[in-house]
Amino acid sequence: MSMHMYRQAGVDLDKANELVKRIKPLVRTTFNSGVITDIGGFGGLYSINCHEMNKPVLVSSTDGVGTKLKVAFWSNRHNTVGIDLVAMCVNDIIVQGARPLFFLDYLAMGRLDLDLVEQLITGIVAGCKEAGCSLIGGETAEMPDFYGADEYDMAGFSVGLVDNGQIIDGSTIHVGNDIVGISSSGLHSNGYSLVRRVVFDQLKLNPDSLIPECNRTAAEELLEPTRIYVEPVMKILRQFSISGMVHVTGGGFYDNIPRILPRACQAMIYKGSWDVPPIFTYLQEQARIPDDEMYHVFNNGIGYILVTEPRDTQDIIELLNAMGQRAYRIGEVAPRDENSPAVRIVER
C-alpha cells in the first residue's frame, strides 16, 4: 500500500514523526542518570544502580485512568489526566516499599491530534517529575474506526526497585497497630462510572456549572488529579518501620485494605476521624448513596494508608503534615475471628 493510500485509510505517518519531534523536549525533562536511550528507539534502556542493595527486586505495575477520561472528553481538558495515569501506577509500586524508576505510556486514538497528544504528554511528564521517575518510552497508536471522534484511551506501565529485605507486604501487621490515613486530593481516579451517572445523567451539569459545596466548577472538581504519594512515603520509610501500606483505589476501603491484612487481623476504621472533602458528601446526598457503598466505591478523602507502630504514629502524622500531606490516625488493627469481616467501619 502506498503512503498516500495509507493516509486515505486514516493513518498519517508524517504526523507521527512530527509528534516525536514535538514531545522529545518535554520527555527529556524527566530523564535522570539511569536513562541510556532517547525516545524514538524500539525499546527504552535504563541502567539500574543497585550496588548498595543485597538482593535487588523489581516491582512493576500497570493501569489506566478509567472512565475519568469521559470527563476529559466532556470538558475538553486533557492536560491533567496524564498525572492520574502516572499516579495510578507509581502509588501501587510504593505500597511494597519500592521507589519508581521509569514509566512508559500507551495512547490510542482514532485520529492523531498533535495538540491533544501534547497535552496528554504534558500531564504524564508532570506526574513523572513528581514521582521522581523517567518517562523512557511510549506508544501513540492512530487507529481509525476503532475509537469515536475526539476519544482516546491511555495506559501506563511503571517499574520500581526495592531491596528484598525491605519489601513491605503486610506480613508483620499485628493486633495493636495503628492505621494512619493520608488525605486524597478528591475523587482520584475511581468510581467515575457512578460519578458520571450522578453528574451527567441525573444532575445534567455542564463543565462550567458551579458546585457550591466545593466552590469549584464541575470540571475542576472532577478532573482534580490523583495525588502522587512517592516522596512523602519514601521519606517515612527512611525514618520509620512500617508494617503495611494501601493505595486506596477501585474497591475503596473494603476491597483494598484486606489485600495486606493477615487472616487474624481486622482493620477497625473510625468514621469521622478525618476531614471528608465536600465532593463526597455532595455525591452521596445527591444520589442517596448508602454509607457502605461510599466506602466500597470511593476513597472518601483517604488516598493512602500506613499501618504503624503506636509509638511512631504521632511522629509520622507530624512529619506528613510538615510535608504538606494532611494525615490522621483513622483506626487500629484488632483481633478478627473467622466470621468477622476484614474491615469494619465504626462510629468512635
C-alpha atoms as a PDB file:
ATOM      1  CA  MET A   1       0.000   0.000   0.000  1.00  0.00           C
ATOM      2  CA  SER A   2       1.448   3.411  -0.910  1.00  0.00           C
ATOM      3  CA  MET A   3       1.800   6.083   1.783  1.00  0.00           C
ATOM      4  CA  HIS A   4      -0.867   8.135   0.035  1.00  0.00           C
ATOM      5  CA  MET A   5      -3.326   5.249   0.260  1.00  0.00           C
ATOM      6  CA  TYR A   6      -2.431   4.640   3.923  1.00  0.00           C
ATOM      7  CA  ARG A   7      -3.183   8.316   4.657  1.00  0.00           C
ATOM      8  CA  GLN A   8      -6.503   7.994   2.860  1.00  0.00           C
ATOM      9  CA  ALA A   9      -7.251   4.965   5.047  1.00  0.00           C
ATOM     10  CA  GLY A  10      -6.829   7.250   8.057  1.00  0.00           C
ATOM     11  CA  VAL A  11      -3.219   6.884   9.223  1.00  0.00           C
ATOM     12  CA  ASP A  12      -0.750   9.767   8.762  1.00  0.00           C
ATOM     13  CA  LEU A  13       2.855   8.628   9.302  1.00  0.00           C
ATOM     14  CA  ASP A  14       4.271  12.121   8.671  1.00  0.00           C
ATOM     15  CA  LYS A  15       2.192  13.385  11.564  1.00  0.00           C
ATOM     16  CA  ALA A  16       3.501  10.543  13.741  1.00  0.00           C
ATOM     17  CA  ASN A  17       7.089  11.620  13.021  1.00  0.00           C
ATOM     18  CA  GLU A  18       6.207  15.246  13.754  1.00  0.00           C
ATOM     19  CA  LEU A  19       4.773  14.136  17.106  1.00  0.00           C
ATOM     20  CA  VAL A  20       8.043  12.558  18.231  1.00  0.00           C
ATOM     21  CA  LYS A  21       9.864  15.830  17.422  1.00  0.00           C
ATOM     22  CA  ARG A  22       7.338  17.836  19.426  1.00  0.00           C
ATOM     23  CA  ILE A  23       7.307  15.722  22.564  1.00  0.00           C
ATOM     24  CA  LYS A  24      11.046  14.894  22.789  1.00  0.00           C
ATOM     25  CA  PRO A  25      11.969  18.094  24.683  1.00  0.00           C
ATOM     26  CA  LEU A  26       9.100  17.531  27.154  1.00  0.00           C
ATOM     27  CA  VAL A  27      10.037  13.910  27.780  1.00  0.00           C
ATOM     28  CA  ARG A  28      13.745  14.696  28.235  1.00  0.00           C
ATOM     29  CA  THR A  29      12.917  16.861  31.257  1.00  0.00           C
ATOM     30  CA  THR A  30      12.103  13.634  33.163  1.00  0.00           C
ATOM     31  CA  PHE A  31      15.426  11.933  32.391  1.00  0.00           C
ATOM     32  CA  ASN A  32      17.895  11.104  35.144  1.00  0.00           C
ATOM     33  CA  SER A  33      21.293   9.397  35.136  1.00  0.00           C
ATOM     34  CA  GLY A  34      19.749   5.938  34.647  1.00  0.00           C
ATOM     35  CA  VAL A  35      18.338   6.724  31.188  1.00  0.00           C
ATOM     36  CA  ILE A  36      20.541   5.449  28.362  1.00  0.00           C
ATOM     37  CA  THR A  37      18.371   5.931  25.248  1.00  0.00           C
ATOM     38  CA  ASP A  38      16.429   8.879  23.902  1.00  0.00           C
ATOM     39  CA  ILE A  39      12.791   8.291  22.897  1.00  0.00           C
ATOM     40  CA  GLY A  40      12.158   7.030  19.363  1.00  0.00           C
ATOM     41  CA  GLY A  41      14.030   3.722  19.628  1.00  0.00           C
ATOM     42  CA  PHE A  42      12.417   0.293  19.718  1.00  0.00           C
ATOM     43  CA  GLY A  43      12.859  -0.071  23.479  1.00  0.00           C
ATOM     44  CA  GLY A  44      13.789   2.166  26.394  1.00  0.00           C
ATOM     45  CA  LEU A  45      17.079   1.336  28.122  1.00  0.00           C
ATOM     46  CA  TYR A  46      17.579   2.082  31.800  1.00  0.00           C
ATOM     47  CA  SER A  47      20.692   1.377  33.858  1.00  0.00           C
ATOM     48  CA  ILE A  48      19.983   0.239  37.417  1.00  0.00           C
ATOM     49  CA  ASN A  49      22.357   1.326  40.168  1.00  0.00           C
ATOM     50  CA  CYS A  50      21.789  -1.178  42.967  1.00  0.00           C
ATOM     51  CA  HIS A  51      25.278  -1.706  44.402  1.00  0.00           C
ATOM     52  CA  GLU A  52      24.015  -0.756  47.880  1.00  0.00           C
ATOM     53  CA  MET A  53      21.343  -3.479  47.803  1.00  0.00           C
ATOM     54  CA  ASN A  54      21.887  -7.074  48.907  1.00  0.00           C
ATOM     55  CA  LYS A  55      19.180  -8.549  46.697  1.00  0.00           C
ATOM     56  CA  PRO A  56      17.505  -6.042  44.356  1.00  0.00           C
ATOM     57  CA  VAL A  57      13.902  -6.792  43.362  1.00  0.00           C
ATOM     58  CA  LEU A  58      11.970  -5.128  40.552  1.00  0.00           C
ATOM     59  CA  VAL A  59       8.357  -4.173  41.277  1.00  0.00           C
ATOM     60  CA  SER A  60       6.053  -3.370  38.358  1.00  0.00           C
ATOM     61  CA  SER A  61       2.560  -2.010  37.906  1.00  0.00           C
ATOM     62  CA  THR A  62       0.264  -1.171  35.012  1.00  0.00           C
ATOM     63  CA  ASP A  63      -3.024   0.727  34.993  1.00  0.00           C
ATOM     64  CA  GLY A  64      -5.238   3.168  33.127  1.00  0.00           C
ATOM     65  CA  VAL A  65      -7.270   6.237  34.025  1.00  0.00           C
ATOM     66  CA  GLY A  66     -10.652   4.570  33.586  1.00  0.00           C
ATOM     67  CA  THR A  67     -13.845   6.443  32.776  1.00  0.00           C
ATOM     68  CA  LYS A  68     -12.440   9.670  34.256  1.00  0.00           C
ATOM     69  CA  LEU A  69     -11.323  10.116  30.634  1.00  0.00           C
ATOM     70  CA  LYS A  70     -15.006  10.649  29.751  1.00  0.00           C
ATOM     71  CA  VAL A  71     -14.883  13.752  31.976  1.00  0.00           C
ATOM     72  CA  ALA A  72     -11.869  14.987  29.998  1.00  0.00           C
ATOM     73  CA  PHE A  73     -13.813  14.474  26.736  1.00  0.00           C
ATOM     74  CA  TRP A  74     -16.865  16.205  28.261  1.00  0.00           C
ATOM     75  CA  SER A  75     -14.922  19.270  29.383  1.00  0.00           C
ATOM     76  CA  ASN A  76     -12.302  19.216  26.596  1.00  0.00           C
ATOM     77  CA  ARG A  77      -9.483  19.468  29.177  1.00  0.00           C
ATOM     78  CA  HIS A  78      -6.705  16.967  28.694  1.00  0.00           C
ATOM     79  CA  ASN A  79      -3.611  18.322  30.446  1.00  0.00           C
ATOM     80  CA  THR A  80      -4.056  16.593  33.835  1.00  0.00           C
ATOM     81  CA  VAL A  81      -5.284  13.035  33.122  1.00  0.00           C
ATOM     82  CA  GLY A  82      -1.656  12.088  32.445  1.00  0.00           C
ATOM     83  CA  ILE A  83      -0.928  12.829  36.114  1.00  0.00           C
ATOM     84  CA  ASP A  84      -3.681  10.359  37.050  1.00  0.00           C
ATOM     85  CA  LEU A  85      -2.105   7.771  34.763  1.00  0.00           C
ATOM     86  CA  VAL A  86       1.285   8.038  36.484  1.00  0.00           C
ATOM     87  CA  ALA A  87      -0.262   8.181  39.961  1.00  0.00           C
ATOM     88  CA  MET A  88      -2.302   5.007  39.495  1.00  0.00           C
ATOM     89  CA  CYS A  89       0.894   3.076  38.666  1.00  0.00           C
ATOM     90  CA  VAL A  90       3.520   4.593  40.975  1.00  0.00           C
ATOM     91  CA  ASN A  91       1.276   4.677  44.064  1.00  0.00           C
ATOM     92  CA  ASP A  92       0.846   0.905  43.682  1.00  0.00           C
ATOM     93  CA  ILE A  93       4.624   0.387  43.484  1.00  0.00           C
ATOM     94  CA  ILE A  94       5.477   2.315  46.655  1.00  0.00           C
ATOM     95  CA  VAL A  95       2.991   0.193  48.653  1.00  0.00           C
ATOM     96  CA  GLN A  96       5.655  -2.544  48.652  1.00  0.00           C
ATOM     97  CA  GLY A  97       8.432  -0.134  49.593  1.00  0.00           C
ATOM     98  CA  ALA A  98       9.857   0.276  46.072  1.00  0.00           C
ATOM     99  CA  ARG A  99      10.977   3.555  44.520  1.00  0.00           C
ATOM    100  CA  PRO A 100       9.694   4.026  40.934  1.00  0.00           C
ATOM    101  CA  LEU A 101      12.498   4.138  38.345  1.00  0.00           C
ATOM    102  CA  PHE A 102      10.824   4.618  34.986  1.00  0.00           C
ATOM    103  CA  PHE A 103       7.467   4.869  33.243  1.00  0.00           C
ATOM    104  CA  LEU A 104       6.049   4.078  29.792  1.00  0.00           C
ATOM    105  CA  ASP A 105       2.727   5.169  28.331  1.00  0.00           C
ATOM    106  CA  TYR A 106       0.391   3.871  25.635  1.00  0.00           C
ATOM    107  CA  LEU A 107      -2.030   6.295  23.948  1.00  0.00           C
ATOM    108  CA  ALA A 108      -4.571   5.217  21.348  1.00  0.00           C
ATOM    109  CA  MET A 109      -6.970   7.400  19.370  1.00  0.00           C
ATOM    110  CA  GLY A 110      -8.916   7.386  16.140  1.00  0.00           C
ATOM    111  CA  ARG A 111      -7.113  10.311  14.547  1.00  0.00           C
ATOM    112  CA  LEU A 112      -3.738  11.662  15.618  1.00  0.00           C
ATOM    113  CA  ASP A 113      -4.258  15.133  17.059  1.00  0.00           C
ATOM    114  CA  LEU A 114      -0.832  16.600  17.812  1.00  0.00           C
ATOM    115  CA  ASP A 115      -2.116  19.280  20.204  1.00  0.00           C
ATOM    116  CA  LEU A 116      -4.166  16.730  22.141  1.00  0.00           C
ATOM    117  CA  VAL A 117      -1.257  14.298  22.470  1.00  0.00           C
ATOM    118  CA  GLU A 118       0.998  17.149  23.600  1.00  0.00           C
ATOM    119  CA  GLN A 119      -1.495  17.969  26.366  1.00  0.00           C
ATOM    120  CA  LEU A 120      -1.650  14.330  27.450  1.00  0.00           C
ATOM    121  CA  ILE A 121       2.145  14.004  27.485  1.00  0.00           C
ATOM    122  CA  THR A 122       2.403  17.280  29.460  1.00  0.00           C
ATOM    123  CA  GLY A 123       0.353  15.641  32.225  1.00  0.00           C
ATOM    124  CA  ILE A 124       2.379  12.423  32.105  1.00  0.00           C
ATOM    125  CA  VAL A 125       5.629  14.414  32.302  1.00  0.00           C
ATOM    126  CA  ALA A 126       4.329  16.408  35.292  1.00  0.00           C
ATOM    127  CA  GLY A 127       3.371  13.151  37.028  1.00  0.00           C
ATOM    128  CA  CYS A 128       6.746  11.544  36.316  1.00  0.00           C
ATOM    129  CA  LYS A 129       8.593  14.567  37.702  1.00  0.00           C
ATOM    130  CA  GLU A 130       6.528  14.488  40.871  1.00  0.00           C
ATOM    131  CA  ALA A 131       7.148  10.738  41.220  1.00  0.00           C
ATOM    132  CA  GLY A 132      10.871  11.141  40.513  1.00  0.00           C
ATOM    133  CA  CYS A 133      10.788   8.636  37.639  1.00  0.00           C
ATOM    134  CA  SER A 134      11.833   8.902  33.992  1.00  0.00           C
ATOM    135  CA  LEU A 135       9.491   8.648  31.017  1.00  0.00           C
ATOM    136  CA  ILE A 136      11.682   6.400  28.837  1.00  0.00           C
ATOM    137  CA  GLY A 137       9.266   5.343  26.117  1.00  0.00           C
ATOM    138  CA  GLY A 138       5.732   5.073  24.905  1.00  0.00           C
ATOM    139  CA  GLU A 139       3.431   4.393  22.009  1.00  0.00           C
ATOM    140  CA  THR A 140       0.882   6.592  20.303  1.00  0.00           C
ATOM    141  CA  ALA A 141      -1.385   4.477  18.123  1.00  0.00           C
ATOM    142  CA  GLU A 142      -3.572   6.020  15.439  1.00  0.00           C
ATOM    143  CA  MET A 143      -6.481   3.622  14.971  1.00  0.00           C
ATOM    144  CA  PRO A 144      -9.157   4.918  12.609  1.00  0.00           C
ATOM    145  CA  ASP A 145     -12.672   3.465  13.048  1.00  0.00           C
ATOM    146  CA  PHE A 146     -11.638   1.975  16.404  1.00  0.00           C
ATOM    147  CA  TYR A 147     -12.303   5.000  18.630  1.00  0.00           C
ATOM    148  CA  GLY A 148     -15.058   7.594  18.372  1.00  0.00           C
ATOM    149  CA  ALA A 149     -14.314  11.119  17.183  1.00  0.00           C
ATOM    150  CA  ASP A 150     -12.237  13.000  19.793  1.00  0.00           C
ATOM    151  CA  GLU A 151     -11.982   9.897  22.012  1.00  0.00           C
ATOM    152  CA  TYR A 152      -8.818   8.191  23.209  1.00  0.00           C
ATOM    153  CA  ASP A 153      -7.593   5.713  25.777  1.00  0.00           C
ATOM    154  CA  MET A 154      -4.373   5.624  27.750  1.00  0.00           C
ATOM    155  CA  ALA A 155      -2.492   3.025  29.767  1.00  0.00           C
ATOM    156  CA  GLY A 156       0.662   3.285  31.842  1.00  0.00           C
ATOM    157  CA  PHE A 157       3.392   0.952  32.985  1.00  0.00           C
ATOM    158  CA  SER A 158       5.991   1.557  35.681  1.00  0.00           C
ATOM    159  CA  VAL A 159       8.920  -0.317  37.233  1.00  0.00           C
ATOM    160  CA  GLY A 160      10.438   0.315  40.650  1.00  0.00           C
ATOM    161  CA  LEU A 161      13.258  -1.138  42.754  1.00  0.00           C
ATOM    162  CA  VAL A 162      13.444  -2.392  46.340  1.00  0.00           C
ATOM    163  CA  ASP A 163      15.907  -4.479  48.350  1.00  0.00           C
ATOM    164  CA  ASN A 164      14.449  -7.907  49.105  1.00  0.00           C
ATOM    165  CA  GLY A 165      14.926  -7.340  52.834  1.00  0.00           C
ATOM    166  CA  GLN A 166      12.975  -4.073  52.656  1.00  0.00           C
ATOM    167  CA  ILE A 167       9.843  -5.354  50.885  1.00  0.00           C
ATOM    168  CA  ILE A 168       6.655  -4.367  52.728  1.00  0.00           C
ATOM    169  CA  ASP A 169       3.926  -6.990  52.304  1.00  0.00           C
ATOM    170  CA  GLY A 170       1.759  -6.715  55.414  1.00  0.00           C
ATOM    171  CA  SER A 171       3.092  -9.947  56.946  1.00  0.00           C
ATOM    172  CA  THR A 172       4.261  -8.153  60.118  1.00  0.00           C
ATOM    173  CA  ILE A 173       0.914  -6.432  60.766  1.00  0.00           C
ATOM    174  CA  HIS A 174      -0.324  -7.333  64.243  1.00  0.00           C
ATOM    175  CA  VAL A 175      -3.112  -6.527  66.673  1.00  0.00           C
ATOM    176  CA  GLY A 176      -2.428  -3.155  68.262  1.00  0.00           C
ATOM    177  CA  ASN A 177      -1.002  -1.470  65.162  1.00  0.00           C
ATOM    178  CA  ASP A 178      -2.389   1.963  64.312  1.00  0.00           C
ATOM    179  CA  ILE A 179      -3.849   2.832  60.911  1.00  0.00           C
ATOM    180  CA  VAL A 180      -2.782   6.211  59.517  1.00  0.00           C
ATOM    181  CA  GLY A 181      -4.549   7.746  56.521  1.00  0.00           C
ATOM    182  CA  ILE A 182      -3.102  10.372  54.167  1.00  0.00           C
ATOM    183  CA  SER A 183      -5.672  12.675  52.614  1.00  0.00           C
ATOM    184  CA  SER A 184      -6.643  12.344  48.968  1.00  0.00           C
ATOM    185  CA  SER A 185      -6.974  15.313  46.616  1.00  0.00           C
ATOM    186  CA  GLY A 186     -10.584  14.329  45.873  1.00  0.00           C
ATOM    187  CA  LEU A 187     -12.067  11.542  43.788  1.00  0.00           C
ATOM    188  CA  HIS A 188      -8.681  10.479  42.373  1.00  0.00           C
ATOM    189  CA  SER A 189      -9.452   8.026  39.554  1.00  0.00           C
ATOM    190  CA  ASN A 190     -12.143   5.742  40.961  1.00  0.00           C
ATOM    191  CA  GLY A 191     -15.896   5.481  40.962  1.00  0.00           C
ATOM    192  CA  TYR A 192     -16.326   7.590  37.834  1.00  0.00           C
ATOM    193  CA  SER A 193     -18.983   5.354  36.313  1.00  0.00           C
ATOM    194  CA  LEU A 194     -21.150   6.258  39.308  1.00  0.00           C
ATOM    195  CA  VAL A 195     -19.951   9.888  39.333  1.00  0.00           C
ATOM    196  CA  ARG A 196     -20.900  10.303  35.674  1.00  0.00           C
ATOM    197  CA  ARG A 197     -24.327   8.815  36.272  1.00  0.00           C
ATOM    198  CA  VAL A 198     -24.947  11.401  39.015  1.00  0.00           C
ATOM    199  CA  VAL A 199     -23.302  14.430  37.375  1.00  0.00           C
ATOM    200  CA  PHE A 200     -24.123  13.856  33.699  1.00  0.00           C
ATOM    201  CA  ASP A 201     -27.406  11.917  33.748  1.00  0.00           C
ATOM    202  CA  GLN A 202     -29.119  12.898  36.996  1.00  0.00           C
ATOM    203  CA  LEU A 203     -27.954  16.484  37.634  1.00  0.00           C
ATOM    204  CA  LYS A 204     -27.160  17.276  33.969  1.00  0.00           C
ATOM    205  CA  LEU A 205     -24.323  19.634  34.955  1.00  0.00           C
ATOM    206  CA  ASN A 206     -22.154  21.441  32.410  1.00  0.00           C
ATOM    207  CA  PRO A 207     -18.354  21.532  32.784  1.00  0.00           C
ATOM    208  CA  ASP A 208     -18.624  25.152  33.969  1.00  0.00           C
ATOM    209  CA  SER A 209     -21.519  24.532  36.402  1.00  0.00           C
ATOM    210  CA  LEU A 210     -20.503  25.660  39.871  1.00  0.00           C
ATOM    211  CA  ILE A 211     -20.731  23.068  42.646  1.00  0.00           C
ATOM    212  CA  PRO A 212     -21.299  25.481  45.555  1.00  0.00           C
ATOM    213  CA  GLU A 213     -20.317  22.920  48.224  1.00  0.00           C
ATOM    214  CA  CYS A 214     -16.880  22.581  46.587  1.00  0.00           C
ATOM    215  CA  ASN A 215     -16.606  26.228  45.492  1.00  0.00           C
ATOM    216  CA  ARG A 216     -15.355  24.962  42.112  1.00  0.00           C
ATOM    217  CA  THR A 217     -16.769  24.113  38.711  1.00  0.00           C
ATOM    218  CA  ALA A 218     -17.782  20.541  37.945  1.00  0.00           C
ATOM    219  CA  ALA A 219     -14.842  20.158  35.528  1.00  0.00           C
ATOM    220  CA  GLU A 220     -12.303  21.484  38.059  1.00  0.00           C
ATOM    221  CA  GLU A 221     -13.527  19.190  40.821  1.00  0.00           C
ATOM    222  CA  LEU A 222     -13.981  16.040  38.726  1.00  0.00           C
ATOM    223  CA  LEU A 223     -10.615  16.432  36.951  1.00  0.00           C
ATOM    224  CA  GLU A 224      -8.595  17.159  40.107  1.00  0.00           C
ATOM    225  CA  PRO A 225      -5.564  14.871  39.580  1.00  0.00           C
ATOM    226  CA  THR A 226      -4.820  11.839  41.741  1.00  0.00           C
ATOM    227  CA  ARG A 227      -2.275  12.661  44.431  1.00  0.00           C
ATOM    228  CA  ILE A 228       1.173  11.103  43.965  1.00  0.00           C
ATOM    229  CA  TYR A 229       2.472   9.816  47.308  1.00  0.00           C
ATOM    230  CA  VAL A 230       6.009   8.792  46.276  1.00  0.00           C
ATOM    231  CA  GLU A 231       8.121  11.442  48.038  1.00  0.00           C
ATOM    232  CA  PRO A 232       6.269  11.570  51.380  1.00  0.00           C
ATOM    233  CA  VAL A 233       6.120   7.773  51.616  1.00  0.00           C
ATOM    234  CA  MET A 234       9.815   7.347  50.741  1.00  0.00           C
ATOM    235  CA  LYS A 235      10.712   9.858  53.481  1.00  0.00           C
ATOM    236  CA  ILE A 236       8.580   7.999  56.019  1.00  0.00           C
ATOM    237  CA  LEU A 237      10.196   4.667  55.068  1.00  0.00           C
ATOM    238  CA  ARG A 238      13.681   6.120  55.620  1.00  0.00           C
ATOM    239  CA  GLN A 239      12.827   7.030  59.218  1.00  0.00           C
ATOM    240  CA  PHE A 240      10.215   4.563  60.460  1.00  0.00           C
ATOM    241  CA  SER A 241       9.365   0.886  60.333  1.00  0.00           C
ATOM    242  CA  ILE A 242       6.036   0.465  58.510  1.00  0.00           C
ATOM    243  CA  SER A 243       4.180  -2.871  58.629  1.00  0.00           C
ATOM    244  CA  GLY A 244       1.913  -2.418  55.623  1.00  0.00           C
ATOM    245  CA  MET A 245       0.574   0.168  53.175  1.00  0.00           C
ATOM    246  CA  VAL A 246      -2.514   0.507  50.996  1.00  0.00           C
ATOM    247  CA  HIS A 247      -3.250   2.608  47.910  1.00  0.00           C
ATOM    248  CA  VAL A 248      -6.995   3.269  48.197  1.00  0.00           C
ATOM    249  CA  THR A 249      -8.242   2.815  44.632  1.00  0.00           C
ATOM    250  CA  GLY A 250     -11.147   0.957  42.998  1.00  0.00           C
ATOM    251  CA  GLY A 251     -12.963  -1.034  45.663  1.00  0.00           C
ATOM    252  CA  GLY A 252     -12.336   1.613  48.320  1.00  0.00           C
ATOM    253  CA  PHE A 253     -11.611   0.612  51.915  1.00  0.00           C
ATOM    254  CA  TYR A 254     -13.462  -2.698  51.811  1.00  0.00           C
ATOM    255  CA  ASP A 255     -11.541  -4.236  48.895  1.00  0.00           C
ATOM    256  CA  ASN A 256      -8.078  -2.690  49.241  1.00  0.00           C
ATOM    257  CA  ILE A 257      -7.262  -2.981  52.958  1.00  0.00           C
ATOM    258  CA  PRO A 258      -7.810  -6.801  53.049  1.00  0.00           C
ATOM    259  CA  ARG A 259      -5.110  -7.205  50.377  1.00  0.00           C
ATOM    260  CA  ILE A 260      -2.417  -6.705  53.044  1.00  0.00           C
ATOM    261  CA  LEU A 261      -4.108  -7.918  56.258  1.00  0.00           C
ATOM    262  CA  PRO A 262      -3.109 -11.212  57.907  1.00  0.00           C
ATOM    263  CA  ARG A 263      -6.097 -13.520  58.487  1.00  0.00           C
ATOM    264  CA  ALA A 264      -6.147 -12.999  62.267  1.00  0.00           C
ATOM    265  CA  CYS A 265      -6.356  -9.209  61.938  1.00  0.00           C
ATOM    266  CA  GLN A 266      -9.251  -6.834  61.388  1.00  0.00           C
ATOM    267  CA  ALA A 267      -8.975  -3.189  60.371  1.00  0.00           C
ATOM    268  CA  MET A 268     -11.207  -1.016  62.569  1.00  0.00           C
ATOM    269  CA  ILE A 269     -11.761   2.289  60.769  1.00  0.00           C
ATOM    270  CA  TYR A 270     -13.291   5.139  62.770  1.00  0.00           C
ATOM    271  CA  LYS A 271     -15.838   7.287  60.956  1.00  0.00           C
ATOM    272  CA  GLY A 272     -15.313  10.985  61.469  1.00  0.00           C
ATOM    273  CA  SER A 273     -11.599  10.657  62.279  1.00  0.00           C
ATOM    274  CA  TRP A 274     -10.619  12.606  59.138  1.00  0.00           C
ATOM    275  CA  ASP A 275     -11.964  15.501  57.087  1.00  0.00           C
ATOM    276  CA  VAL A 276     -14.045  14.221  54.164  1.00  0.00           C
ATOM    277  CA  PRO A 277     -13.763  16.527  51.107  1.00  0.00           C
ATOM    278  CA  PRO A 278     -17.118  18.101  50.183  1.00  0.00           C
ATOM    279  CA  ILE A 279     -17.350  16.329  46.790  1.00  0.00           C
ATOM    280  CA  PHE A 280     -18.042  13.001  48.533  1.00  0.00           C
ATOM    281  CA  THR A 281     -20.795  14.407  50.738  1.00  0.00           C
ATOM    282  CA  TYR A 282     -22.277  16.174  47.713  1.00  0.00           C
ATOM    283  CA  LEU A 283     -22.392  12.981  45.606  1.00  0.00           C
ATOM    284  CA  GLN A 284     -23.737  10.925  48.498  1.00  0.00           C
ATOM    285  CA  GLU A 285     -26.561  13.388  49.194  1.00  0.00           C
ATOM    286  CA  GLN A 286     -27.473  13.942  45.539  1.00  0.00           C
ATOM    287  CA  ALA A 287     -27.662  10.225  44.721  1.00  0.00           C
ATOM    288  CA  ARG A 288     -28.646   8.950  48.197  1.00  0.00           C
ATOM    289  CA  ILE A 289     -25.698   6.542  48.209  1.00  0.00           C
ATOM    290  CA  PRO A 290     -25.569   4.332  51.340  1.00  0.00           C
ATOM    291  CA  ASP A 291     -22.506   4.701  53.596  1.00  0.00           C
ATOM    292  CA  ASP A 292     -21.349   1.162  52.902  1.00  0.00           C
ATOM    293  CA  GLU A 293     -21.339   1.760  49.165  1.00  0.00           C
ATOM    294  CA  MET A 294     -19.403   5.023  49.612  1.00  0.00           C
ATOM    295  CA  TYR A 295     -16.630   3.077  51.369  1.00  0.00           C
ATOM    296  CA  HIS A 296     -16.740   0.389  48.682  1.00  0.00           C
ATOM    297  CA  VAL A 297     -16.547   2.698  45.655  1.00  0.00           C
ATOM    298  CA  PHE A 298     -14.655   5.849  46.707  1.00  0.00           C
ATOM    299  CA  ASN A 299     -11.606   6.787  48.781  1.00  0.00           C
ATOM    300  CA  ASN A 300     -13.769   9.233  50.802  1.00  0.00           C
ATOM    301  CA  GLY A 301     -10.834  11.540  51.392  1.00  0.00           C
ATOM    302  CA  ILE A 302      -8.149   8.965  52.288  1.00  0.00           C
ATOM    303  CA  GLY A 303      -5.944   8.099  49.315  1.00  0.00           C
ATOM    304  CA  TYR A 304      -3.170   6.161  51.051  1.00  0.00           C
ATOM    305  CA  ILE A 305      -2.915   4.167  54.276  1.00  0.00           C
ATOM    306  CA  LEU A 306       0.049   3.263  56.513  1.00  0.00           C
ATOM    307  CA  VAL A 307      -0.031   0.610  59.243  1.00  0.00           C
ATOM    308  CA  THR A 308       2.210   1.898  62.017  1.00  0.00           C
ATOM    309  CA  GLU A 309       3.537   1.113  65.492  1.00  0.00           C
ATOM    310  CA  PRO A 310       1.579   3.237  68.029  1.00  0.00           C
ATOM    311  CA  ARG A 311       4.812   4.734  69.404  1.00  0.00           C
ATOM    312  CA  ASP A 312       5.562   6.201  65.929  1.00  0.00           C
ATOM    313  CA  THR A 313       2.059   7.278  64.911  1.00  0.00           C
ATOM    314  CA  GLN A 314       2.158  10.884  66.132  1.00  0.00           C
ATOM    315  CA  ASP A 315       5.666  11.496  64.743  1.00  0.00           C
ATOM    316  CA  ILE A 316       4.621  10.067  61.356  1.00  0.00           C
ATOM    317  CA  ILE A 317       1.497  12.256  61.252  1.00  0.00           C
ATOM    318  CA  GLU A 318       3.528  15.353  62.150  1.00  0.00           C
ATOM    319  CA  LEU A 319       6.177  14.586  59.513  1.00  0.00           C
ATOM    320  CA  LEU A 320       3.494  14.074  56.849  1.00  0.00           C
ATOM    321  CA  ASN A 321       1.763  17.312  57.851  1.00  0.00           C
ATOM    322  CA  ALA A 322       5.097  19.138  57.624  1.00  0.00           C
ATOM    323  CA  MET A 323       5.431  17.824  54.041  1.00  0.00           C
ATOM    324  CA  GLY A 324       2.024  19.273  53.150  1.00  0.00           C
ATOM    325  CA  GLN A 325       0.203  15.936  53.416  1.00  0.00           C
ATOM    326  CA  ARG A 326      -2.736  16.013  55.801  1.00  0.00           C
ATOM    327  CA  ALA A 327      -2.638  12.788  57.790  1.00  0.00           C
ATOM    328  CA  TYR A 328      -4.815  11.296  60.517  1.00  0.00           C
ATOM    329  CA  ARG A 329      -4.984   8.279  62.818  1.00  0.00           C
ATOM    330  CA  ILE A 330      -8.084   6.715  61.252  1.00  0.00           C
ATOM    331  CA  GLY A 331      -8.183   3.359  63.017  1.00  0.00           C
ATOM    332  CA  GLU A 332      -6.374   0.399  64.516  1.00  0.00           C
ATOM    333  CA  VAL A 333      -5.771  -3.300  63.976  1.00  0.00           C
ATOM    334  CA  ALA A 334      -7.983  -5.510  66.129  1.00  0.00           C
ATOM    335  CA  PRO A 335      -8.275  -9.298  66.542  1.00  0.00           C
ATOM    336  CA  ARG A 336     -10.527 -10.984  63.995  1.00  0.00           C
ATOM    337  CA  ASP A 337     -12.470 -14.194  64.355  1.00  0.00           C
ATOM    338  CA  GLU A 338     -13.363 -16.370  61.380  1.00  0.00           C
ATOM    339  CA  ASN A 339     -16.860 -14.958  60.870  1.00  0.00           C
ATOM    340  CA  SER A 340     -15.875 -11.278  61.053  1.00  0.00           C
ATOM    341  CA  PRO A 341     -15.220  -9.076  58.026  1.00  0.00           C
ATOM    342  CA  ALA A 342     -11.631  -7.931  57.352  1.00  0.00           C
ATOM    343  CA  VAL A 343     -12.682  -4.284  57.563  1.00  0.00           C
ATOM    344  CA  ARG A 344     -15.172  -2.724  59.954  1.00  0.00           C
ATOM    345  CA  ILE A 345     -16.103   0.936  59.688  1.00  0.00           C
ATOM    346  CA  VAL A 346     -17.462   2.019  63.047  1.00  0.00           C
ATOM    347  CA  GLU A 347     -18.550   5.107  64.965  1.00  0.00           C
ATOM    348  CA  ARG A 348     -15.977   6.089  67.537  1.00  0.00           C
END
